[in-house]
Amino acid sequence: MPRKDYIPDSPRNQRDWSQNFVAQFPAVAKRIGWSDADIKALMQRVTRLQEAAQTVVNADSALDVALGELETVRDAEVSEIRLDVANLKKTRGFTEGDGRIIEVLSSATTFDAATCQPKLQPEEKRGRVRLMAKKLGADSLNIYMRRKGEGEFRLLASKRVRFPFDDDTPGSIAGQPEEREYQATGVIGDDEIGKPSDIVTAVWRS
């Protein structure tokens, strides 16, 4: 099997690798007689990589925080919004046309765990595949992945509630893109329910 490239693929792992290199490299380089100019040049390159990777990590962390805040606000406000809108619809003079304009018309549906089928949408990014999902009534999702040509899916993330989710699993052959397939299954409590999502495909690139 080809040896994996020593520079990681995911931004977080690139950040960590760069931090360690910056900390340890100067002593190694001086011991073996590298010039100060050569040490400085390589340090600058690795530091640029570290800073760029850190920017991505910070952005991902900020997104996680923002999604958490959205979920908190949704939990606190949506039920009250529904009550207020229900009262609005009962107000004299309110028409179906009004409801269509402000997009508050809906058809009553009953959640059926047996037919729940989540949806996945992949987005290809450098060093990872980002997955967006709709749980469609499930508490959480189990995310599965297989490389194109493999027979069985393997569990990639268990009981995932928040999305997006990034698959930064390293490629099987260093430096080569690979086609991956994803599928999600709804979960209520600890049990998988309903039907698996349609299989979606994305190309992972380092």
C-alpha atoms as a PDB file:
ATOM      1  CA  MET A   1       0.000   0.000   0.000  1.00  0.00           C
ATOM      2  CA  PRO A   2       1.370   3.485  -0.859  1.00  0.00           C
ATOM      3  CA  ARG A   3       2.559   5.484   2.112  1.00  0.00           C
ATOM      4  CA  LYS A   4       0.210   8.274   3.142  1.00  0.00           C
ATOM      5  CA  ASP A   5       1.410  11.810   2.536  1.00  0.00           C
ATOM      6  CA  TYR A   6       2.843  13.314   5.735  1.00  0.00           C
ATOM      7  CA  ILE A   7       0.927  16.579   5.221  1.00  0.00           C
ATOM      8  CA  PRO A   8      -2.677  15.948   6.347  1.00  0.00           C
ATOM      9  CA  ASP A   9      -5.726  16.685   4.222  1.00  0.00           C
ATOM     10  CA  SER A  10      -8.187  18.327   6.593  1.00  0.00           C
ATOM     11  CA  PRO A  11      -7.740  21.972   7.687  1.00  0.00           C
ATOM     12  CA  ARG A  12      -7.728  21.076  11.391  1.00  0.00           C
ATOM     13  CA  ASN A  13      -5.065  18.413  10.928  1.00  0.00           C
ATOM     14  CA  GLN A  14      -3.033  20.712   8.671  1.00  0.00           C
ATOM     15  CA  ARG A  15      -3.148  23.342  11.413  1.00  0.00           C
ATOM     16  CA  ASP A  16      -1.934  20.857  14.030  1.00  0.00           C
ATOM     17  CA  TRP A  17       0.803  19.470  11.768  1.00  0.00           C
ATOM     18  CA  SER A  18       2.034  22.987  10.946  1.00  0.00           C
ATOM     19  CA  GLN A  19       2.089  24.019  14.611  1.00  0.00           C
ATOM     20  CA  ASN A  20       4.238  21.030  15.505  1.00  0.00           C
ATOM     21  CA  PHE A  21       6.562  21.599  12.533  1.00  0.00           C
ATOM     22  CA  VAL A  22       7.076  25.265  13.414  1.00  0.00           C
ATOM     23  CA  ALA A  23       7.875  24.310  17.003  1.00  0.00           C
ATOM     24  CA  GLN A  24      10.262  21.432  16.260  1.00  0.00           C
ATOM     25  CA  PHE A  25      11.879  22.177  12.886  1.00  0.00           C
ATOM     26  CA  PRO A  26      14.362  24.956  13.824  1.00  0.00           C
ATOM     27  CA  ALA A  27      16.238  22.778  16.306  1.00  0.00           C
ATOM     28  CA  VAL A  28      16.478  19.908  13.816  1.00  0.00           C
ATOM     29  CA  ALA A  29      17.579  22.231  10.998  1.00  0.00           C
ATOM     30  CA  LYS A  30      20.289  23.902  13.098  1.00  0.00           C
ATOM     31  CA  ARG A  31      21.627  20.555  14.317  1.00  0.00           C
ATOM     32  CA  ILE A  32      22.167  19.345  10.744  1.00  0.00           C
ATOM     33  CA  GLY A  33      23.694  22.634   9.622  1.00  0.00           C
ATOM     34  CA  TRP A  34      20.957  24.347   7.621  1.00  0.00           C
ATOM     35  CA  SER A  35      21.537  28.041   7.019  1.00  0.00           C
ATOM     36  CA  ASP A  36      19.433  30.658   8.761  1.00  0.00           C
ATOM     37  CA  ALA A  37      18.128  31.817   5.364  1.00  0.00           C
ATOM     38  CA  ASP A  38      16.926  28.317   4.424  1.00  0.00           C
ATOM     39  CA  ILE A  39      15.356  27.834   7.862  1.00  0.00           C
ATOM     40  CA  LYS A  40      13.546  31.161   7.591  1.00  0.00           C
ATOM     41  CA  ALA A  41      12.220  30.432   4.096  1.00  0.00           C
ATOM     42  CA  LEU A  42      10.725  27.066   5.043  1.00  0.00           C
ATOM     43  CA  MET A  43       9.353  28.430   8.319  1.00  0.00           C
ATOM     44  CA  GLN A  44       7.541  31.168   6.387  1.00  0.00           C
ATOM     45  CA  ARG A  45       5.948  28.641   4.034  1.00  0.00           C
ATOM     46  CA  VAL A  46       4.743  26.390   6.835  1.00  0.00           C
ATOM     47  CA  THR A  47       3.527  29.374   8.857  1.00  0.00           C
ATOM     48  CA  ARG A  48       1.435  30.541   5.893  1.00  0.00           C
ATOM     49  CA  LEU A  49      -0.103  27.080   5.701  1.00  0.00           C
ATOM     50  CA  GLN A  50      -0.772  27.136   9.445  1.00  0.00           C
ATOM     51  CA  GLU A  51      -2.461  30.542   9.302  1.00  0.00           C
ATOM     52  CA  ALA A  52      -4.634  29.615   6.320  1.00  0.00           C
ATOM     53  CA  ALA A  53      -5.695  26.350   7.970  1.00  0.00           C
ATOM     54  CA  GLN A  54      -6.429  28.187  11.229  1.00  0.00           C
ATOM     55  CA  THR A  55      -8.698  30.592   9.342  1.00  0.00           C
ATOM     56  CA  VAL A  56     -10.756  27.655   8.061  1.00  0.00           C
ATOM     57  CA  VAL A  57     -10.875  26.038  11.525  1.00  0.00           C
ATOM     58  CA  ASN A  58     -12.055  29.324  13.040  1.00  0.00           C
ATOM     59  CA  ALA A  59     -14.738  29.677  10.376  1.00  0.00           C
ATOM     60  CA  ASP A  60     -15.961  26.122  10.992  1.00  0.00           C
ATOM     61  CA  SER A  61     -16.045  26.751  14.752  1.00  0.00           C
ATOM     62  CA  ALA A  62     -17.978  29.974  14.231  1.00  0.00           C
ATOM     63  CA  LEU A  63     -20.456  28.099  12.030  1.00  0.00           C
ATOM     64  CA  ASP A  64     -20.945  25.444  14.730  1.00  0.00           C
ATOM     65  CA  VAL A  65     -21.597  28.197  17.297  1.00  0.00           C
ATOM     66  CA  ALA A  66     -24.029  29.977  14.966  1.00  0.00           C
ATOM     67  CA  LEU A  67     -25.908  26.748  14.243  1.00  0.00           C
ATOM     68  CA  GLY A  68     -26.141  26.067  17.979  1.00  0.00           C
ATOM     69  CA  GLU A  69     -27.517  29.550  18.576  1.00  0.00           C
ATOM     70  CA  LEU A  70     -30.043  29.070  15.781  1.00  0.00           C
ATOM     71  CA  GLU A  71     -31.189  25.787  17.304  1.00  0.00           C
ATOM     72  CA  THR A  72     -31.565  27.427  20.728  1.00  0.00           C
ATOM     73  CA  VAL A  73     -33.575  30.318  19.304  1.00  0.00           C
ATOM     74  CA  ARG A  74     -35.709  27.956  17.239  1.00  0.00           C
ATOM     75  CA  ASP A  75     -36.503  25.835  20.308  1.00  0.00           C
ATOM     76  CA  ALA A  76     -37.474  28.957  22.254  1.00  0.00           C
ATOM     77  CA  GLU A  77     -39.421  30.855  19.603  1.00  0.00           C
ATOM     78  CA  VAL A  78     -40.977  28.554  17.014  1.00  0.00           C
ATOM     79  CA  SER A  79     -43.759  27.258  19.257  1.00  0.00           C
ATOM     80  CA  GLU A  80     -44.709  30.834  20.176  1.00  0.00           C
ATOM     81  CA  ILE A  81     -44.577  31.876  16.525  1.00  0.00           C
ATOM     82  CA  ARG A  82     -46.965  29.057  15.666  1.00  0.00           C
ATOM     83  CA  LEU A  83     -49.380  30.155  18.387  1.00  0.00           C
ATOM     84  CA  ASP A  84     -49.290  33.770  17.222  1.00  0.00           C
ATOM     85  CA  VAL A  85     -49.806  32.772  13.600  1.00  0.00           C
ATOM     86  CA  ALA A  86     -52.690  30.496  14.589  1.00  0.00           C
ATOM     87  CA  ASN A  87     -54.336  33.489  16.282  1.00  0.00           C
ATOM     88  CA  LEU A  88     -53.608  35.597  13.213  1.00  0.00           C
ATOM     89  CA  LYS A  89     -55.406  33.092  10.992  1.00  0.00           C
ATOM     90  CA  LYS A  90     -58.458  33.233  13.288  1.00  0.00           C
ATOM     91  CA  THR A  91     -58.631  37.009  13.129  1.00  0.00           C
ATOM     92  CA  ARG A  92     -61.662  38.362  11.312  1.00  0.00           C
ATOM     93  CA  GLY A  93     -60.820  39.425   7.781  1.00  0.00           C
ATOM     94  CA  PHE A  94     -57.758  37.219   7.401  1.00  0.00           C
ATOM     95  CA  THR A  95     -57.970  35.330   4.092  1.00  0.00           C
ATOM     96  CA  GLU A  96     -56.236  32.441   2.421  1.00  0.00           C
ATOM     97  CA  GLY A  97     -54.680  34.992   0.090  1.00  0.00           C
ATOM     98  CA  ASP A  98     -53.137  36.729   3.093  1.00  0.00           C
ATOM     99  CA  GLY A  99     -51.730  33.405   4.254  1.00  0.00           C
ATOM    100  CA  ARG A 100     -50.256  32.757   0.830  1.00  0.00           C
ATOM    101  CA  ILE A 101     -48.578  36.183   0.766  1.00  0.00           C
ATOM    102  CA  ILE A 102     -46.849  35.703   4.113  1.00  0.00           C
ATOM    103  CA  GLU A 103     -46.319  31.962   3.481  1.00  0.00           C
ATOM    104  CA  VAL A 104     -48.105  30.537   6.503  1.00  0.00           C
ATOM    105  CA  LEU A 105     -50.326  28.011   4.741  1.00  0.00           C
ATOM    106  CA  SER A 106     -49.636  24.353   5.385  1.00  0.00           C
ATOM    107  CA  SER A 107     -51.351  21.019   5.082  1.00  0.00           C
ATOM    108  CA  ALA A 108     -51.720  18.942   8.215  1.00  0.00           C
ATOM    109  CA  THR A 109     -49.538  15.831   8.131  1.00  0.00           C
ATOM    110  CA  THR A 110     -48.879  13.083  10.645  1.00  0.00           C
ATOM    111  CA  PHE A 111     -45.305  11.942  11.180  1.00  0.00           C
ATOM    112  CA  ASP A 112     -44.865   8.291  10.227  1.00  0.00           C
ATOM    113  CA  ALA A 113     -41.597   6.819  11.501  1.00  0.00           C
ATOM    114  CA  ALA A 114     -41.944   3.883   9.104  1.00  0.00           C
ATOM    115  CA  THR A 115     -41.812   6.116   6.024  1.00  0.00           C
ATOM    116  CA  CYS A 116     -39.385   8.784   7.280  1.00  0.00           C
ATOM    117  CA  GLN A 117     -36.675   9.219   4.649  1.00  0.00           C
ATOM    118  CA  PRO A 118     -34.027  11.891   5.315  1.00  0.00           C
ATOM    119  CA  LYS A 119     -32.315  13.862   2.565  1.00  0.00           C
ATOM    120  CA  LEU A 120     -28.594  14.417   2.029  1.00  0.00           C
ATOM    121  CA  GLN A 121     -26.843  17.037  -0.085  1.00  0.00           C
ATOM    122  CA  PRO A 122     -23.048  16.849  -0.534  1.00  0.00           C
ATOM    123  CA  GLU A 123     -20.713  19.740  -1.286  1.00  0.00           C
ATOM    124  CA  GLU A 124     -17.148  19.090  -2.418  1.00  0.00           C
ATOM    125  CA  LYS A 125     -14.474  21.082  -0.587  1.00  0.00           C
ATOM    126  CA  ARG A 126     -10.692  20.846  -0.376  1.00  0.00           C
ATOM    127  CA  GLY A 127      -9.755  17.963   1.895  1.00  0.00           C
ATOM    128  CA  ARG A 128     -13.335  17.137   2.864  1.00  0.00           C
ATOM    129  CA  VAL A 129     -16.882  16.555   1.708  1.00  0.00           C
ATOM    130  CA  ARG A 130     -19.491  18.689   3.472  1.00  0.00           C
ATOM    131  CA  LEU A 131     -22.905  17.129   3.992  1.00  0.00           C
ATOM    132  CA  MET A 132     -26.114  19.047   4.533  1.00  0.00           C
ATOM    133  CA  ALA A 133     -29.165  17.090   5.645  1.00  0.00           C
ATOM    134  CA  LYS A 134     -32.865  17.282   6.382  1.00  0.00           C
ATOM    135  CA  LYS A 135     -33.969  15.021   9.234  1.00  0.00           C
ATOM    136  CA  LEU A 136     -37.667  15.290   8.264  1.00  0.00           C
ATOM    137  CA  GLY A 137     -38.975  14.425  11.710  1.00  0.00           C
ATOM    138  CA  ALA A 138     -36.186  12.190  13.014  1.00  0.00           C
ATOM    139  CA  ASP A 139     -34.328  13.163  16.195  1.00  0.00           C
ATOM    140  CA  SER A 140     -30.932  12.638  14.551  1.00  0.00           C
ATOM    141  CA  LEU A 141     -29.249  10.858  11.659  1.00  0.00           C
ATOM    142  CA  ASN A 142     -26.718   8.088  11.264  1.00  0.00           C
ATOM    143  CA  ILE A 143     -24.399   8.936   8.367  1.00  0.00           C
ATOM    144  CA  TYR A 144     -22.828   6.171   6.290  1.00  0.00           C
ATOM    145  CA  MET A 145     -20.062   6.291   3.664  1.00  0.00           C
ATOM    146  CA  ARG A 146     -18.413   3.937   1.230  1.00  0.00           C
ATOM    147  CA  ARG A 147     -15.802   4.482  -1.440  1.00  0.00           C
ATOM    148  CA  LYS A 148     -17.015   3.868  -4.972  1.00  0.00           C
ATOM    149  CA  GLY A 149     -16.757   0.166  -5.691  1.00  0.00           C
ATOM    150  CA  GLU A 150     -16.902  -0.970  -2.059  1.00  0.00           C
ATOM    151  CA  GLY A 151     -19.714  -3.324  -1.155  1.00  0.00           C
ATOM    152  CA  GLU A 152     -20.775  -2.177   2.281  1.00  0.00           C
ATOM    153  CA  PHE A 153     -21.416   1.235   3.807  1.00  0.00           C
ATOM    154  CA  ARG A 154     -19.643   1.974   7.088  1.00  0.00           C
ATOM    155  CA  LEU A 155     -20.915   4.198   9.864  1.00  0.00           C
ATOM    156  CA  LEU A 156     -19.285   7.622   9.598  1.00  0.00           C
ATOM    157  CA  ALA A 157     -21.242   9.585  12.233  1.00  0.00           C
ATOM    158  CA  SER A 158     -23.710   8.343  14.836  1.00  0.00           C
ATOM    159  CA  LYS A 159     -26.842  10.236  15.933  1.00  0.00           C
ATOM    160  CA  ARG A 160     -25.786  13.473  14.257  1.00  0.00           C
ATOM    161  CA  VAL A 161     -28.127  16.328  15.121  1.00  0.00           C
ATOM    162  CA  ARG A 162     -26.414  19.400  13.692  1.00  0.00           C
ATOM    163  CA  PHE A 163     -25.421  19.978  10.106  1.00  0.00           C
ATOM    164  CA  PRO A 164     -23.336  20.613   8.075  1.00  0.00           C
ATOM    165  CA  PHE A 165     -21.131  17.613   8.779  1.00  0.00           C
ATOM    166  CA  ASP A 166     -17.640  17.374   7.248  1.00  0.00           C
ATOM    167  CA  ASP A 167     -16.209  14.050   6.140  1.00  0.00           C
ATOM    168  CA  ASP A 168     -12.445  14.592   6.303  1.00  0.00           C
ATOM    169  CA  THR A 169     -11.548  10.904   6.160  1.00  0.00           C
ATOM    170  CA  PRO A 170      -8.150  10.647   4.390  1.00  0.00           C
ATOM    171  CA  GLY A 171      -8.079   9.244   0.874  1.00  0.00           C
ATOM    172  CA  SER A 172      -7.076   5.617   0.427  1.00  0.00           C
ATOM    173  CA  ILE A 173      -4.284   6.622  -1.993  1.00  0.00           C
ATOM    174  CA  ALA A 174      -2.335   9.768  -1.125  1.00  0.00           C
ATOM    175  CA  GLY A 175      -2.850  12.641  -3.532  1.00  0.00           C
ATOM    176  CA  GLN A 176      -5.520  10.926  -5.623  1.00  0.00           C
ATOM    177  CA  PRO A 177      -9.185  11.988  -5.730  1.00  0.00           C
ATOM    178  CA  GLU A 178     -11.764   9.346  -4.922  1.00  0.00           C
ATOM    179  CA  GLU A 179     -15.485   9.048  -5.463  1.00  0.00           C
ATOM    180  CA  ARG A 180     -17.496   8.501  -2.294  1.00  0.00           C
ATOM    181  CA  GLU A 181     -21.117   7.545  -1.701  1.00  0.00           C
ATOM    182  CA  TYR A 182     -23.159   8.659   1.301  1.00  0.00           C
ATOM    183  CA  GLN A 183     -26.426   7.577   2.848  1.00  0.00           C
ATOM    184  CA  ALA A 184     -28.294   8.627   5.985  1.00  0.00           C
ATOM    185  CA  THR A 185     -30.844   6.883   8.183  1.00  0.00           C
ATOM    186  CA  GLY A 186     -33.204   8.576  10.618  1.00  0.00           C
ATOM    187  CA  VAL A 187     -32.855   7.863  14.337  1.00  0.00           C
ATOM    188  CA  ILE A 188     -35.364   8.262  17.162  1.00  0.00           C
ATOM    189  CA  GLY A 189     -33.896   7.571  20.574  1.00  0.00           C
ATOM    190  CA  ASP A 190     -31.316   4.879  19.864  1.00  0.00           C
ATOM    191  CA  ASP A 191     -33.202   3.173  17.040  1.00  0.00           C
ATOM    192  CA  GLU A 192     -32.914   3.652  13.311  1.00  0.00           C
ATOM    193  CA  ILE A 193     -36.257   4.276  11.657  1.00  0.00           C
ATOM    194  CA  GLY A 194     -37.856   4.547   8.261  1.00  0.00           C
ATOM    195  CA  LYS A 195     -36.071   4.344   4.938  1.00  0.00           C
ATOM    196  CA  PRO A 196     -32.437   5.205   4.194  1.00  0.00           C
ATOM    197  CA  SER A 197     -31.909   8.363   2.191  1.00  0.00           C
ATOM    198  CA  ASP A 198     -31.136   8.214  -1.483  1.00  0.00           C
ATOM    199  CA  ILE A 199     -27.449   7.541  -2.077  1.00  0.00           C
ATOM    200  CA  VAL A 200     -25.563  10.729  -2.974  1.00  0.00           C
ATOM    201  CA  THR A 201     -22.107  10.923  -4.522  1.00  0.00           C
ATOM    202  CA  ALA A 202     -19.203  13.356  -4.169  1.00  0.00           C
ATOM    203  CA  VAL A 203     -15.538  13.392  -5.128  1.00  0.00           C
ATOM    204  CA  TRP A 204     -13.068  13.825  -2.259  1.00  0.00           C
ATOM    205  CA  ARG A 205      -9.882  15.711  -3.202  1.00  0.00           C
ATOM    206  CA  SER A 206      -6.808  16.470  -1.102  1.00  0.00           C
END
